[in-house]
Amino acid sequence: MTAPILAIELGRRRYGEVLELQRTLCRDRVAGTLGHDLLLLVEHEPVITLGRSTQAASLPLPRGLLEQRGVEVFEVERGGDATLHAPGQLVGYPILELGGWRRDLHWYLRQLEEVLIRALARLEIRADRNPGKTGVWTVDDRRKIASIGIHVKQWVTMHGFALNVINDLSLFELIVPCGIPNVIMTSVAAEGQTGRGAEGLWNSTRDAVLAEFGEVFEREIEAATLASLGVSQQT
């Protein structure tokens, strides 16, 4: 029987802490000392991350000014350009050994997009891909609702996706999101899904993502904790 993917909810955490946790888990998965594929779910305090393809124009404000405003900046190993995380955004970091599926990065990116498209459909939001660009956009007005950026080491994944749920979209004005000029960002809440309240909307979005992650990757999803894996809460 194929082992389940273990889903670990981390709550709200600073980006640097979770980045080091990802790196540790990725190393352990490569080494074989971590025997499970994982999906980490987290909210971050305001932070801008700069992928390997980031252009100078994507970060128009000096880092010092951003940090004065309480926004951290990290250069990271994932692909893609600049993106922003903040409370109310559902961030997912799969730690998957792709040998259990297909060792194909393009296939993996399309799988992540499919998870989010299907999850949004459960929330009655019509979303799709935008040809030539990684991520997920609303069908009707072509607003970007989810960003994706990955890194793979010896076919083990890290980094992942960020789905805007109830986050402050004005923060995206601090960057050129994903290096796409004039892109308009949106969220689950902004698309009219407000009747459930913030907590209800967050929970229903998380549940939809977990359900579709299992469907798309054809694995059971099982809740777990870092402690159950023998991993320290501090990295």
Protein backbone atom coordinates (compact mmCIF):
# COMPACT_ATOMS: atom_id res chain seq x y z
CA MET A 1 0.00 0.00 0.00
CA THR A 2 1.30 3.46 -0.93
CA ALA A 3 2.20 5.57 2.08
CA PRO A 4 0.11 8.70 2.72
CA ILE A 5 1.34 12.26 2.44
CA LEU A 6 1.58 13.72 5.92
CA ALA A 7 0.03 17.19 6.24
CA ILE A 8 1.52 19.37 8.97
CA GLU A 9 -0.10 22.68 9.90
CA LEU A 10 2.47 25.07 11.34
CA GLY A 11 0.20 28.03 12.11
CA ARG A 12 1.70 31.51 11.72
CA ARG A 13 5.49 31.58 11.65
CA ARG A 14 8.32 33.80 10.50
CA TYR A 15 9.67 32.90 7.11
CA GLY A 16 13.30 32.29 8.10
CA GLU A 17 12.33 29.65 10.64
CA VAL A 18 10.25 27.71 8.14
CA LEU A 19 12.88 28.07 5.41
CA GLU A 20 15.44 26.33 7.62
CA LEU A 21 12.86 23.69 8.54
CA GLN A 22 12.24 22.99 4.85
CA ARG A 23 15.95 22.68 4.16
CA THR A 24 16.36 20.24 7.05
CA LEU A 25 13.40 18.11 5.96
CA CYS A 26 14.56 18.13 2.33
CA ARG A 27 18.05 16.95 3.36
CA ASP A 28 16.54 14.23 5.53
CA ARG A 29 14.26 13.07 2.70
CA VAL A 30 17.21 12.93 0.30
CA ALA A 31 19.26 10.98 2.86
CA GLY A 32 16.39 8.59 3.56
CA THR A 33 16.21 9.42 7.26
CA LEU A 34 12.76 10.96 6.68
CA GLY A 35 10.55 8.17 5.41
CA HIS A 36 7.43 10.18 4.50
CA ASP A 37 6.39 12.72 1.92
CA LEU A 38 5.09 15.88 3.58
CA LEU A 39 2.93 18.91 2.93
CA LEU A 40 3.64 21.82 5.28
CA LEU A 41 0.91 24.46 5.55
CA VAL A 42 1.72 27.83 7.08
CA GLU A 43 0.94 31.55 7.28
CA HIS A 44 3.88 33.94 7.29
CA GLU A 45 4.51 37.32 8.80
CA PRO A 46 5.05 39.90 6.00
CA VAL A 47 8.04 38.85 3.92
CA ILE A 48 9.32 39.26 0.37
CA THR A 49 11.20 36.36 -1.17
CA LEU A 50 13.47 36.72 -4.19
CA GLY A 51 13.83 33.67 -6.42
CA ARG A 52 16.73 32.92 -8.74
CA SER A 53 15.16 34.84 -11.65
CA THR A 54 14.44 38.04 -9.74
CA GLN A 55 15.07 41.23 -11.69
CA ALA A 56 16.16 44.43 -9.97
CA ALA A 57 12.97 46.18 -11.10
CA SER A 58 10.87 43.65 -9.19
CA LEU A 59 11.95 45.17 -5.87
CA PRO A 60 11.51 48.93 -6.40
CA LEU A 61 11.96 49.92 -2.74
CA PRO A 62 15.29 49.65 -0.85
CA ARG A 63 15.50 46.68 1.52
CA GLY A 64 16.19 48.97 4.47
CA LEU A 65 12.92 50.83 3.89
CA LEU A 66 11.01 47.55 3.61
CA GLU A 67 12.50 46.29 6.86
CA GLN A 68 11.56 49.57 8.56
CA ARG A 69 7.98 48.78 7.55
CA GLY A 70 8.25 45.33 9.13
CA VAL A 71 8.72 43.40 5.88
CA GLU A 72 11.66 40.98 5.80
CA VAL A 73 13.48 40.15 2.55
CA PHE A 74 15.07 36.78 1.73
CA GLU A 75 17.01 35.58 -1.31
CA VAL A 76 16.13 31.92 -1.80
CA GLU A 77 16.96 28.97 -4.03
CA ARG A 78 13.54 28.54 -5.62
CA GLY A 79 12.85 29.39 -9.22
CA GLY A 80 10.89 32.45 -10.23
CA ASP A 81 10.96 36.13 -9.40
CA ALA A 82 9.84 38.19 -6.39
CA THR A 83 6.79 37.25 -4.37
CA LEU A 84 5.22 38.30 -1.10
CA HIS A 85 3.79 36.35 1.83
CA ALA A 86 1.65 37.79 4.60
CA PRO A 87 -0.96 36.70 7.15
CA GLY A 88 -4.13 35.41 5.52
CA GLN A 89 -2.25 33.74 2.67
CA LEU A 90 -2.19 29.93 2.65
CA VAL A 91 1.36 28.80 1.88
CA GLY A 92 2.10 25.16 1.08
CA TYR A 93 5.54 23.56 1.07
CA PRO A 94 5.49 19.99 -0.28
CA ILE A 95 8.51 17.88 0.65
CA LEU A 96 8.03 15.12 -1.91
CA GLU A 97 10.39 12.52 -3.34
CA LEU A 98 9.29 12.74 -6.97
CA GLY A 99 10.53 9.23 -7.70
CA GLY A 100 7.23 8.12 -6.18
CA TRP A 101 5.48 9.87 -9.10
CA ARG A 102 7.41 11.31 -12.06
CA ARG A 103 10.86 12.88 -12.10
CA ASP A 104 9.66 15.73 -14.27
CA LEU A 105 9.68 19.34 -13.03
CA HIS A 106 7.20 20.61 -15.62
CA TRP A 107 4.79 17.83 -14.66
CA TYR A 108 5.19 18.73 -11.00
CA LEU A 109 4.49 22.43 -11.60
CA ARG A 110 1.35 21.58 -13.57
CA GLN A 111 0.25 19.26 -10.75
CA LEU A 112 0.50 22.07 -8.21
CA GLU A 113 -1.49 24.35 -10.49
CA GLU A 114 -4.12 21.63 -10.88
CA VAL A 115 -4.45 21.27 -7.11
CA LEU A 116 -5.18 24.97 -6.74
CA ILE A 117 -7.52 25.19 -9.74
CA ARG A 118 -9.59 22.31 -8.39
CA ALA A 119 -9.55 23.66 -4.84
CA LEU A 120 -10.81 27.03 -6.08
CA ALA A 121 -13.54 25.28 -8.06
CA ARG A 122 -14.75 23.79 -4.77
CA LEU A 123 -15.08 27.38 -3.57
CA GLU A 124 -17.01 28.33 -6.73
CA ILE A 125 -14.13 30.38 -8.12
CA ARG A 126 -13.32 29.77 -11.77
CA ALA A 127 -9.55 29.69 -12.16
CA ASP A 128 -7.09 28.39 -14.72
CA ARG A 129 -3.51 28.59 -15.98
CA ASN A 130 -2.11 31.54 -17.90
CA PRO A 131 -0.14 30.19 -20.89
CA GLY A 132 3.58 30.80 -20.53
CA LYS A 133 3.34 31.82 -16.88
CA THR A 134 3.48 29.62 -13.78
CA GLY A 135 0.68 30.12 -11.25
CA VAL A 136 -3.12 30.36 -11.21
CA TRP A 137 -5.38 33.16 -12.49
CA THR A 138 -9.12 33.79 -12.31
CA VAL A 139 -10.84 32.96 -15.57
CA ASP A 140 -13.17 35.97 -15.82
CA ASP A 141 -10.78 38.87 -15.21
CA ARG A 142 -7.30 37.28 -15.35
CA ARG A 143 -6.28 38.32 -11.86
CA LYS A 144 -3.54 36.28 -10.22
CA ILE A 145 -4.73 34.40 -7.17
CA ALA A 146 -1.88 31.94 -6.54
CA SER A 147 1.89 31.92 -7.06
CA ILE A 148 4.18 28.91 -7.40
CA GLY A 149 7.94 28.62 -7.07
CA ILE A 150 9.88 25.41 -6.42
CA HIS A 151 13.32 24.00 -5.78
CA VAL A 152 14.28 20.36 -6.27
CA LYS A 153 17.33 18.64 -4.82
CA GLN A 154 18.02 15.09 -6.00
CA TRP A 155 14.32 14.91 -6.95
CA VAL A 156 13.10 15.99 -3.51
CA THR A 157 10.98 19.14 -3.60
CA MET A 158 10.85 22.21 -1.40
CA HIS A 159 9.25 25.67 -1.57
CA GLY A 160 5.84 25.46 -3.26
CA PHE A 161 2.67 27.55 -3.58
CA ALA A 162 1.01 30.61 -2.04
CA LEU A 163 -2.77 31.00 -2.34
CA ASN A 164 -4.26 34.37 -1.46
CA VAL A 165 -7.21 33.80 0.88
CA ILE A 166 -7.91 36.75 3.19
CA ASN A 167 -4.59 38.63 3.01
CA ASP A 168 -4.07 42.36 2.52
CA LEU A 169 -3.60 42.68 -1.24
CA SER A 170 -2.22 46.22 -0.97
CA LEU A 171 1.09 44.74 0.24
CA PHE A 172 1.73 43.47 -3.28
CA GLU A 173 2.32 47.11 -4.24
CA LEU A 174 5.74 46.76 -2.59
CA ILE A 175 6.96 44.50 -5.43
CA VAL A 176 6.34 43.62 -9.05
CA PRO A 177 4.71 40.24 -8.29
CA CYS A 178 6.54 37.41 -10.03
CA GLY A 179 8.20 40.05 -12.22
CA ILE A 180 4.98 40.58 -14.23
CA PRO A 181 4.36 44.30 -14.83
CA ASN A 182 0.78 45.50 -14.23
CA VAL A 183 -0.38 42.16 -12.86
CA ILE A 184 -3.43 42.49 -10.62
CA MET A 185 -3.51 40.24 -7.57
CA THR A 186 -6.72 38.89 -6.08
CA SER A 187 -7.79 36.54 -3.29
CA VAL A 188 -10.50 34.09 -2.37
CA ALA A 189 -12.15 36.79 -0.24
CA ALA A 190 -11.90 39.40 -3.01
CA GLU A 191 -13.62 37.04 -5.42
CA GLY A 192 -16.78 37.26 -3.36
CA GLN A 193 -16.29 34.34 -0.98
CA THR A 194 -16.96 36.38 2.17
CA GLY A 195 -20.18 34.92 3.55
CA ARG A 196 -18.43 32.34 5.75
CA GLY A 197 -16.43 34.83 7.83
CA ALA A 198 -12.65 34.98 7.89
CA GLU A 199 -12.15 31.82 9.95
CA GLY A 200 -14.73 29.84 7.99
CA LEU A 201 -13.24 30.96 4.68
CA TRP A 202 -9.74 30.07 5.81
CA ASN A 203 -10.82 26.61 7.00
CA SER A 204 -12.84 25.83 3.88
CA THR A 205 -9.95 26.92 1.64
CA ARG A 206 -7.44 24.83 3.58
CA ASP A 207 -9.74 21.81 3.48
CA ALA A 208 -10.26 22.20 -0.27
CA VAL A 209 -6.52 22.38 -0.89
CA LEU A 210 -5.84 19.31 1.24
CA ALA A 211 -8.59 17.32 -0.47
CA GLU A 212 -7.42 18.19 -3.96
CA PHE A 213 -3.76 17.65 -3.12
CA GLY A 214 -4.68 14.09 -2.25
CA GLU A 215 -6.78 13.67 -5.39
CA VAL A 216 -4.25 15.13 -7.81
CA PHE A 217 -1.25 13.29 -6.35
CA GLU A 218 -3.33 10.13 -5.82
CA ARG A 219 -2.38 9.69 -2.17
CA GLU A 220 -4.20 9.72 1.11
CA ILE A 221 -3.60 12.84 3.19
CA GLU A 222 -2.96 12.17 6.87
CA ALA A 223 -2.65 14.86 9.55
CA ALA A 224 0.62 14.83 11.49
CA THR A 225 2.84 17.05 13.62
CA LEU A 226 6.54 17.78 13.64
CA ALA A 227 6.74 16.09 17.03
CA SER A 228 5.27 12.90 15.57
CA LEU A 229 8.18 12.86 13.10
CA GLY A 230 10.70 13.44 15.84
CA VAL A 231 11.50 16.90 14.44
CA SER A 232 12.19 19.77 16.83
CA GLN A 233 9.79 22.73 16.69
CA GLN A 234 12.85 24.99 16.55
CA THR A 235 15.33 24.74 13.69
